C-alpha cells in the first residue's frame, strides 16, 4: 500500500513534467523513464518492486507502454549506490524513485535537477534530505517511514505503559540501514535505559536470517520485539 502511494507521488511528478514538454512540442505518446534505486538485492526487494509497478498500473502508467523502469539494486552494498545513481542520471531518467535513506542520499548527490521520490527513508529532515516535511524544497519529495527518530523512544514508552511488567525487549535492526544504526539505535537504547528495560540488539542483513533470529528469541524469552 505504501509503495502504491509512492506511485501516486510519481504520477504527480509526471504531471508536472508533462506541462513544459507539451509546450516544447513533445510528440504525443512519450514514454517516461523511471529510475528505481534501492539498497537490497533484487530477490529481497522483488515484492516491493512488483507493488510499485502495480501502483503505477493502477494510475494508468503501464510498464513497456507509456513508462519504462530502470531498476538498480545495490545488493545490500552501500558502496555501489553512488555509481548506480550516476548510471540513472546518465540515462536521463525523468524521475528517480529511491528506496531507503542511503539510496535517497546517493540520488541527491548524483543530481539536483531530476525529481527524486523518496520511498520511506528515516528522519528525512534530520538526515538533511529535505528542509521540512511541509515544504521539502529542492528536487526531493515522497513519503517517510518516520517523521523523527524520537518515535523509537515513544514506541518503547507506549509498550511499557501497555505492559508495565515487561523488563526485557529485543531490538531487531536491519544492518543495511546505517542511518538507524548510527542515530536511531541510540535513541531507542536511551529510552530503554530510562524505562529500566534490559535490551538485546539483534542485527540482520538478509531476510533468510529471520527464522534463526525468531527461534533464538523464543528460546531467550524476550518480552517484546521492536523492528527498525
C-alpha atoms as a PDB file:
ATOM      1  CA  UNK A   1       0.000   0.000   0.000  1.00  0.00           C
ATOM      2  CA  UNK A   2       2.805   2.434   0.845  1.00  0.00           C
ATOM      3  CA  UNK A   3       4.562   1.768  -2.462  1.00  0.00           C
ATOM      4  CA  UNK A   4       1.286   2.410  -4.282  1.00  0.00           C
ATOM      5  CA  UNK A   5       1.145   5.766  -2.520  1.00  0.00           C
ATOM      6  CA  UNK A   6       4.664   6.455  -3.786  1.00  0.00           C
ATOM      7  CA  UNK A   7       3.419   5.639  -7.278  1.00  0.00           C
ATOM      8  CA  UNK A   8       0.810   8.372  -6.842  1.00  0.00           C
ATOM      9  CA  UNK A   9       3.559  10.864  -6.000  1.00  0.00           C
ATOM     10  CA  UNK A  10       5.412   9.747  -9.124  1.00  0.00           C
ATOM     11  CA  UNK A  11       2.310  10.294 -11.228  1.00  0.00           C
ATOM     12  CA  UNK A  12       2.107  13.834  -9.882  1.00  0.00           C
ATOM     13  CA  UNK A  13       5.769  14.315 -10.816  1.00  0.00           C
ATOM     14  CA  UNK A  14       4.962  13.197 -14.356  1.00  0.00           C
ATOM     15  CA  UNK A  15       2.117  15.694 -14.439  1.00  0.00           C
ATOM     16  CA  UNK A  16       4.496  18.483 -13.506  1.00  0.00           C
ATOM     17  CA  UNK A  17       6.942  17.324 -16.151  1.00  0.00           C
ATOM     18  CA  UNK A  18       4.318  16.978 -18.874  1.00  0.00           C
ATOM     19  CA  UNK A  19       3.302  20.647 -18.996  1.00  0.00           C
ATOM     20  CA  UNK A  20       6.646  22.088 -20.186  1.00  0.00           C
ATOM     21  CA  UNK A  21       7.190  19.148 -22.517  1.00  0.00           C
ATOM     22  CA  UNK A  22       3.883  19.842 -24.245  1.00  0.00           C
ATOM     23  CA  UNK A  23       4.784  23.497 -24.679  1.00  0.00           C
ATOM     24  CA  UNK A  24       8.038  22.496 -26.303  1.00  0.00           C
ATOM     25  CA  UNK A  25       6.159  20.324 -28.811  1.00  0.00           C
ATOM     26  CA  UNK A  26       6.998  16.972 -27.281  1.00  0.00           C
ATOM     27  CA  UNK A  27       5.472  14.273 -29.544  1.00  0.00           C
ATOM     28  CA  UNK A  28       2.344  12.552 -28.273  1.00  0.00           C
ATOM     29  CA  UNK A  29       2.911   9.106 -26.788  1.00  0.00           C
ATOM     30  CA  UNK A  30       6.114   9.928 -24.932  1.00  0.00           C
ATOM     31  CA  UNK A  31       7.404   7.023 -22.857  1.00  0.00           C
ATOM     32  CA  UNK A  32       8.624   8.230 -19.470  1.00  0.00           C
ATOM     33  CA  UNK A  33      11.646   6.619 -17.852  1.00  0.00           C
ATOM     34  CA  UNK A  34      11.780   5.957 -14.096  1.00  0.00           C
ATOM     35  CA  UNK A  35      14.959   5.141 -12.222  1.00  0.00           C
ATOM     36  CA  UNK A  36      14.269   2.702  -9.367  1.00  0.00           C
ATOM     37  CA  UNK A  37      17.167   2.704  -6.893  1.00  0.00           C
ATOM     38  CA  UNK A  38      17.182   0.630  -3.733  1.00  0.00           C
ATOM     39  CA  UNK A  39      19.591  -0.981  -1.279  1.00  0.00           C
ATOM     40  CA  UNK A  40      18.647  -4.711  -1.138  1.00  0.00           C
ATOM     41  CA  UNK A  41      19.167  -7.360  -3.784  1.00  0.00           C
ATOM     42  CA  UNK A  42      16.531  -7.853  -6.455  1.00  0.00           C
ATOM     43  CA  UNK A  43      15.430 -11.111  -4.847  1.00  0.00           C
ATOM     44  CA  UNK A  44      14.891  -9.403  -1.486  1.00  0.00           C
ATOM     45  CA  UNK A  45      13.181  -6.347  -2.980  1.00  0.00           C
ATOM     46  CA  UNK A  46      11.093  -8.042  -5.687  1.00  0.00           C
ATOM     47  CA  UNK A  47       7.839  -7.884  -3.727  1.00  0.00           C
ATOM     48  CA  UNK A  48       8.221  -4.148  -3.248  1.00  0.00           C
ATOM     49  CA  UNK A  49       9.178  -3.606  -6.875  1.00  0.00           C
ATOM     50  CA  UNK A  50       6.100  -5.521  -8.008  1.00  0.00           C
ATOM     51  CA  UNK A  51       3.852  -3.461  -5.722  1.00  0.00           C
ATOM     52  CA  UNK A  52       5.446  -0.292  -7.063  1.00  0.00           C
ATOM     53  CA  UNK A  53       4.751  -1.266 -10.668  1.00  0.00           C
ATOM     54  CA  UNK A  54       1.236  -2.335  -9.695  1.00  0.00           C
ATOM     55  CA  UNK A  55       0.591   1.079  -8.203  1.00  0.00           C
ATOM     56  CA  UNK A  56       1.747   2.746 -11.387  1.00  0.00           C
ATOM     57  CA  UNK A  57      -0.509   0.480 -13.426  1.00  0.00           C
ATOM     58  CA  UNK A  58      -3.497   1.439 -11.284  1.00  0.00           C
ATOM     59  CA  UNK A  59      -2.832   5.057 -12.243  1.00  0.00           C
ATOM     60  CA  UNK A  60      -2.570   4.349 -15.946  1.00  0.00           C
ATOM     61  CA  UNK A  61       1.226   4.048 -16.224  1.00  0.00           C
ATOM     62  CA  UNK A  62       1.907   0.667 -17.812  1.00  0.00           C
ATOM     63  CA  UNK A  63       5.454  -0.652 -17.915  1.00  0.00           C
ATOM     64  CA  UNK A  64       6.539  -1.176 -21.509  1.00  0.00           C
ATOM     65  CA  UNK A  65       3.791   1.052 -22.904  1.00  0.00           C
ATOM     66  CA  UNK A  66       3.987   4.588 -21.556  1.00  0.00           C
ATOM     67  CA  UNK A  67       6.661   4.078 -18.897  1.00  0.00           C
ATOM     68  CA  UNK A  68       9.963   2.192 -18.605  1.00  0.00           C
ATOM     69  CA  UNK A  69      11.502   1.347 -15.228  1.00  0.00           C
ATOM     70  CA  UNK A  70      15.295   1.208 -14.944  1.00  0.00           C
ATOM     71  CA  UNK A  71      15.961  -0.983 -11.905  1.00  0.00           C
ATOM     72  CA  UNK A  72      19.161  -0.636  -9.905  1.00  0.00           C
ATOM     73  CA  UNK A  73      19.670  -2.885  -6.846  1.00  0.00           C
ATOM     74  CA  UNK A  74      22.730  -2.415  -4.632  1.00  0.00           C
ATOM     75  CA  UNK A  75      22.696  -5.967  -3.211  1.00  0.00           C
ATOM     76  CA  UNK A  76      22.972  -4.524   0.327  1.00  0.00           C
ATOM     77  CA  UNK A  77      26.287  -2.886  -0.604  1.00  0.00           C
ATOM     78  CA  UNK A  78      26.067   0.844   0.131  1.00  0.00           C
ATOM     79  CA  UNK A  79      29.329   1.492  -1.715  1.00  0.00           C
ATOM     80  CA  UNK A  80      27.567   0.668  -5.004  1.00  0.00           C
ATOM     81  CA  UNK A  81      24.836   3.286  -4.602  1.00  0.00           C
ATOM     82  CA  UNK A  82      26.735   6.345  -5.952  1.00  0.00           C
ATOM     83  CA  UNK A  83      27.670   4.520  -9.166  1.00  0.00           C
ATOM     84  CA  UNK A  84      24.149   3.167  -9.622  1.00  0.00           C
ATOM     85  CA  UNK A  85      22.658   6.633  -9.097  1.00  0.00           C
ATOM     86  CA  UNK A  86      25.130   8.084 -11.592  1.00  0.00           C
ATOM     87  CA  UNK A  87      24.067   5.456 -14.158  1.00  0.00           C
ATOM     88  CA  UNK A  88      20.458   6.567 -13.827  1.00  0.00           C
ATOM     89  CA  UNK A  89      21.443  10.194 -14.320  1.00  0.00           C
ATOM     90  CA  UNK A  90      23.411   9.287 -17.447  1.00  0.00           C
ATOM     91  CA  UNK A  91      20.315   7.513 -18.759  1.00  0.00           C
ATOM     92  CA  UNK A  92      18.475  10.817 -18.354  1.00  0.00           C
ATOM     93  CA  UNK A  93      15.575   9.293 -16.464  1.00  0.00           C
ATOM     94  CA  UNK A  94      12.605  11.578 -15.887  1.00  0.00           C
ATOM     95  CA  UNK A  95      12.359  10.800 -12.177  1.00  0.00           C
ATOM     96  CA  UNK A  96      14.173   8.626  -9.615  1.00  0.00           C
ATOM     97  CA  UNK A  97      12.324   6.548  -7.031  1.00  0.00           C
ATOM     98  CA  UNK A  98      14.794   5.887  -4.218  1.00  0.00           C
ATOM     99  CA  UNK A  99      14.136   3.334  -1.502  1.00  0.00           C
ATOM    100  CA  UNK A 100      15.730   3.800   1.956  1.00  0.00           C
ATOM    101  CA  UNK A 101      17.729   6.748   3.224  1.00  0.00           C
ATOM    102  CA  UNK A 102      21.070   5.694   1.730  1.00  0.00           C
ATOM    103  CA  UNK A 103      19.575   5.432  -1.761  1.00  0.00           C
ATOM    104  CA  UNK A 104      17.958   8.872  -1.458  1.00  0.00           C
ATOM    105  CA  UNK A 105      21.300  10.350  -0.374  1.00  0.00           C
ATOM    106  CA  UNK A 106      23.047   8.772  -3.366  1.00  0.00           C
ATOM    107  CA  UNK A 107      20.390  10.066  -5.760  1.00  0.00           C
ATOM    108  CA  UNK A 108      20.551  13.556  -4.264  1.00  0.00           C
ATOM    109  CA  UNK A 109      24.335  13.627  -4.591  1.00  0.00           C
ATOM    110  CA  UNK A 110      24.050  12.497  -8.233  1.00  0.00           C
ATOM    111  CA  UNK A 111      21.552  15.146  -9.362  1.00  0.00           C
ATOM    112  CA  UNK A 112      19.945  18.363  -8.128  1.00  0.00           C
ATOM    113  CA  UNK A 113      17.651  18.672 -11.159  1.00  0.00           C
ATOM    114  CA  UNK A 114      15.980  15.278 -11.775  1.00  0.00           C
ATOM    115  CA  UNK A 115      12.969  14.867  -9.428  1.00  0.00           C
ATOM    116  CA  UNK A 116      13.570  12.305  -6.671  1.00  0.00           C
ATOM    117  CA  UNK A 117      10.700  10.497  -4.941  1.00  0.00           C
ATOM    118  CA  UNK A 118      11.897   9.000  -1.663  1.00  0.00           C
ATOM    119  CA  UNK A 119      10.399   5.685  -0.513  1.00  0.00           C
ATOM    120  CA  UNK A 120      10.172   5.565   3.276  1.00  0.00           C
ATOM    121  CA  UNK A 121      13.542   6.947   4.444  1.00  0.00           C
ATOM    122  CA  UNK A 122      14.059   7.503   8.161  1.00  0.00           C
ATOM    123  CA  UNK A 123      14.046  11.063   9.508  1.00  0.00           C
ATOM    124  CA  UNK A 124      14.449  12.931   6.181  1.00  0.00           C
ATOM    125  CA  UNK A 125      14.645  16.308   7.946  1.00  0.00           C
ATOM    126  CA  UNK A 126      17.273  15.217  10.464  1.00  0.00           C
ATOM    127  CA  UNK A 127      19.189  13.472   7.689  1.00  0.00           C
ATOM    128  CA  UNK A 128      19.333  16.719   5.705  1.00  0.00           C
ATOM    129  CA  UNK A 129      17.359  15.349   2.753  1.00  0.00           C
ATOM    130  CA  UNK A 130      14.588  17.950   2.941  1.00  0.00           C
ATOM    131  CA  UNK A 131      14.163  21.321   4.631  1.00  0.00           C
ATOM    132  CA  UNK A 132      10.925  20.276   6.352  1.00  0.00           C
ATOM    133  CA  UNK A 133       8.028  17.912   5.778  1.00  0.00           C
ATOM    134  CA  UNK A 134       5.527  20.575   4.718  1.00  0.00           C
ATOM    135  CA  UNK A 135       7.872  22.238   2.190  1.00  0.00           C
ATOM    136  CA  UNK A 136      10.713  19.837   1.370  1.00  0.00           C
ATOM    137  CA  UNK A 137      12.357  22.165  -1.172  1.00  0.00           C
ATOM    138  CA  UNK A 138      14.947  21.120  -3.732  1.00  0.00           C
ATOM    139  CA  UNK A 139      14.194  18.187  -6.022  1.00  0.00           C
ATOM    140  CA  UNK A 140      13.141  15.646  -3.358  1.00  0.00           C
ATOM    141  CA  UNK A 141       9.631  14.666  -2.280  1.00  0.00           C
ATOM    142  CA  UNK A 142       7.875  11.431  -1.276  1.00  0.00           C
ATOM    143  CA  UNK A 143       6.964   9.501   1.860  1.00  0.00           C
ATOM    144  CA  UNK A 144       8.866   8.894   5.092  1.00  0.00           C
ATOM    145  CA  UNK A 145       8.838   5.914   7.441  1.00  0.00           C
ATOM    146  CA  UNK A 146       9.018   8.217  10.456  1.00  0.00           C
ATOM    147  CA  UNK A 147       8.873  11.958  10.999  1.00  0.00           C
ATOM    148  CA  UNK A 148      11.737  11.836  13.504  1.00  0.00           C
ATOM    149  CA  UNK A 149      13.952   9.493  15.482  1.00  0.00           C
ATOM    150  CA  UNK A 150      12.121  10.255  18.738  1.00  0.00           C
ATOM    151  CA  UNK A 151       9.408   7.860  17.545  1.00  0.00           C
ATOM    152  CA  UNK A 152      11.562   4.914  18.665  1.00  0.00           C
ATOM    153  CA  UNK A 153      11.632   6.105  22.256  1.00  0.00           C
ATOM    154  CA  UNK A 154       7.898   6.778  22.125  1.00  0.00           C
ATOM    155  CA  UNK A 155       7.244   3.230  20.921  1.00  0.00           C
ATOM    156  CA  UNK A 156       9.040   1.811  23.955  1.00  0.00           C
ATOM    157  CA  UNK A 157       7.203   4.196  26.272  1.00  0.00           C
ATOM    158  CA  UNK A 158       3.822   3.096  24.887  1.00  0.00           C
ATOM    159  CA  UNK A 159       4.899  -0.534  25.193  1.00  0.00           C
ATOM    160  CA  UNK A 160       5.798  -0.041  28.857  1.00  0.00           C
ATOM    161  CA  UNK A 161       2.530   1.795  29.505  1.00  0.00           C
ATOM    162  CA  UNK A 162       0.527  -1.038  27.952  1.00  0.00           C
ATOM    163  CA  UNK A 163       2.504  -3.847  29.627  1.00  0.00           C
ATOM    164  CA  UNK A 164       4.021  -2.424  32.845  1.00  0.00           C
ATOM    165  CA  UNK A 165       5.540  -5.772  33.913  1.00  0.00           C
ATOM    166  CA  UNK A 166       7.836  -6.218  30.915  1.00  0.00           C
ATOM    167  CA  UNK A 167      11.526  -5.994  31.754  1.00  0.00           C
ATOM    168  CA  UNK A 168      13.343  -7.057  28.602  1.00  0.00           C
ATOM    169  CA  UNK A 169      12.991  -6.038  24.968  1.00  0.00           C
ATOM    170  CA  UNK A 170      14.754  -7.202  21.803  1.00  0.00           C
ATOM    171  CA  UNK A 171      15.510  -4.606  19.126  1.00  0.00           C
ATOM    172  CA  UNK A 172      15.713  -6.115  15.652  1.00  0.00           C
ATOM    173  CA  UNK A 173      17.805  -3.927  13.338  1.00  0.00           C
ATOM    174  CA  UNK A 174      18.218  -4.022   9.574  1.00  0.00           C
ATOM    175  CA  UNK A 175      22.006  -3.911   9.303  1.00  0.00           C
ATOM    176  CA  UNK A 176      21.778  -2.276   5.877  1.00  0.00           C
ATOM    177  CA  UNK A 177      20.018   0.733   7.406  1.00  0.00           C
ATOM    178  CA  UNK A 178      23.151   2.542   8.532  1.00  0.00           C
ATOM    179  CA  UNK A 179      21.202   5.759   9.293  1.00  0.00           C
ATOM    180  CA  UNK A 180      19.259   3.951  12.008  1.00  0.00           C
ATOM    181  CA  UNK A 181      22.360   2.165  13.302  1.00  0.00           C
ATOM    182  CA  UNK A 182      24.170   5.482  13.635  1.00  0.00           C
ATOM    183  CA  UNK A 183      21.375   7.568  15.186  1.00  0.00           C
ATOM    184  CA  UNK A 184      18.047   5.844  15.746  1.00  0.00           C
ATOM    185  CA  UNK A 185      19.504   2.980  17.745  1.00  0.00           C
ATOM    186  CA  UNK A 186      20.974   5.453  20.245  1.00  0.00           C
ATOM    187  CA  UNK A 187      17.513   6.946  20.711  1.00  0.00           C
ATOM    188  CA  UNK A 188      15.940   3.539  21.297  1.00  0.00           C
ATOM    189  CA  UNK A 189      18.668   2.437  23.698  1.00  0.00           C
ATOM    190  CA  UNK A 190      18.446   5.684  25.698  1.00  0.00           C
ATOM    191  CA  UNK A 191      14.686   5.200  26.047  1.00  0.00           C
ATOM    192  CA  UNK A 192      15.172   1.589  27.136  1.00  0.00           C
ATOM    193  CA  UNK A 193      17.610   2.674  29.858  1.00  0.00           C
ATOM    194  CA  UNK A 194      15.231   5.381  31.076  1.00  0.00           C
ATOM    195  CA  UNK A 195      12.425   2.810  31.305  1.00  0.00           C
ATOM    196  CA  UNK A 196      14.672   0.279  33.084  1.00  0.00           C
ATOM    197  CA  UNK A 197      14.297  -2.192  30.229  1.00  0.00           C
ATOM    198  CA  UNK A 198      17.045  -4.665  29.541  1.00  0.00           C
ATOM    199  CA  UNK A 199      17.677  -4.602  25.818  1.00  0.00           C
ATOM    200  CA  UNK A 200      19.087  -7.038  23.296  1.00  0.00           C
ATOM    201  CA  UNK A 201      20.099  -5.601  19.924  1.00  0.00           C
ATOM    202  CA  UNK A 202      19.978  -8.096  17.073  1.00  0.00           C
ATOM    203  CA  UNK A 203      21.314  -7.139  13.657  1.00  0.00           C
ATOM    204  CA  UNK A 204      20.234  -8.888  10.463  1.00  0.00           C
ATOM    205  CA  UNK A 205      21.298  -8.263   6.884  1.00  0.00           C
ATOM    206  CA  UNK A 206      19.163 -10.683   4.883  1.00  0.00           C
ATOM    207  CA  UNK A 207      15.570 -11.970   5.280  1.00  0.00           C
ATOM    208  CA  UNK A 208      16.914 -15.534   5.271  1.00  0.00           C
ATOM    209  CA  UNK A 209      18.292 -14.878   8.776  1.00  0.00           C
ATOM    210  CA  UNK A 210      14.887 -14.095  10.307  1.00  0.00           C
ATOM    211  CA  UNK A 211      13.812 -17.675  11.091  1.00  0.00           C
ATOM    212  CA  UNK A 212      17.005 -18.231  13.085  1.00  0.00           C
ATOM    213  CA  UNK A 213      16.576 -14.905  14.897  1.00  0.00           C
ATOM    214  CA  UNK A 214      12.977 -15.598  15.886  1.00  0.00           C
ATOM    215  CA  UNK A 215      13.865 -19.086  17.084  1.00  0.00           C
ATOM    216  CA  UNK A 216      16.637 -17.641  19.276  1.00  0.00           C
ATOM    217  CA  UNK A 217      14.274 -15.019  20.693  1.00  0.00           C
ATOM    218  CA  UNK A 218      11.753 -17.708  21.581  1.00  0.00           C
ATOM    219  CA  UNK A 219      14.421 -19.624  23.463  1.00  0.00           C
ATOM    220  CA  UNK A 220      15.652 -16.492  25.239  1.00  0.00           C
ATOM    221  CA  UNK A 221      12.083 -15.403  26.063  1.00  0.00           C
ATOM    222  CA  UNK A 222      12.320 -11.683  25.277  1.00  0.00           C
ATOM    223  CA  UNK A 223       9.185  -9.877  26.457  1.00  0.00           C
ATOM    224  CA  UNK A 224       8.766  -7.985  23.198  1.00  0.00           C
ATOM    225  CA  UNK A 225      10.385  -7.320  19.836  1.00  0.00           C
ATOM    226  CA  UNK A 226      10.820  -3.964  18.132  1.00  0.00           C
ATOM    227  CA  UNK A 227      11.892  -3.927  14.488  1.00  0.00           C
ATOM    228  CA  UNK A 228      13.709  -0.990  12.874  1.00  0.00           C
END
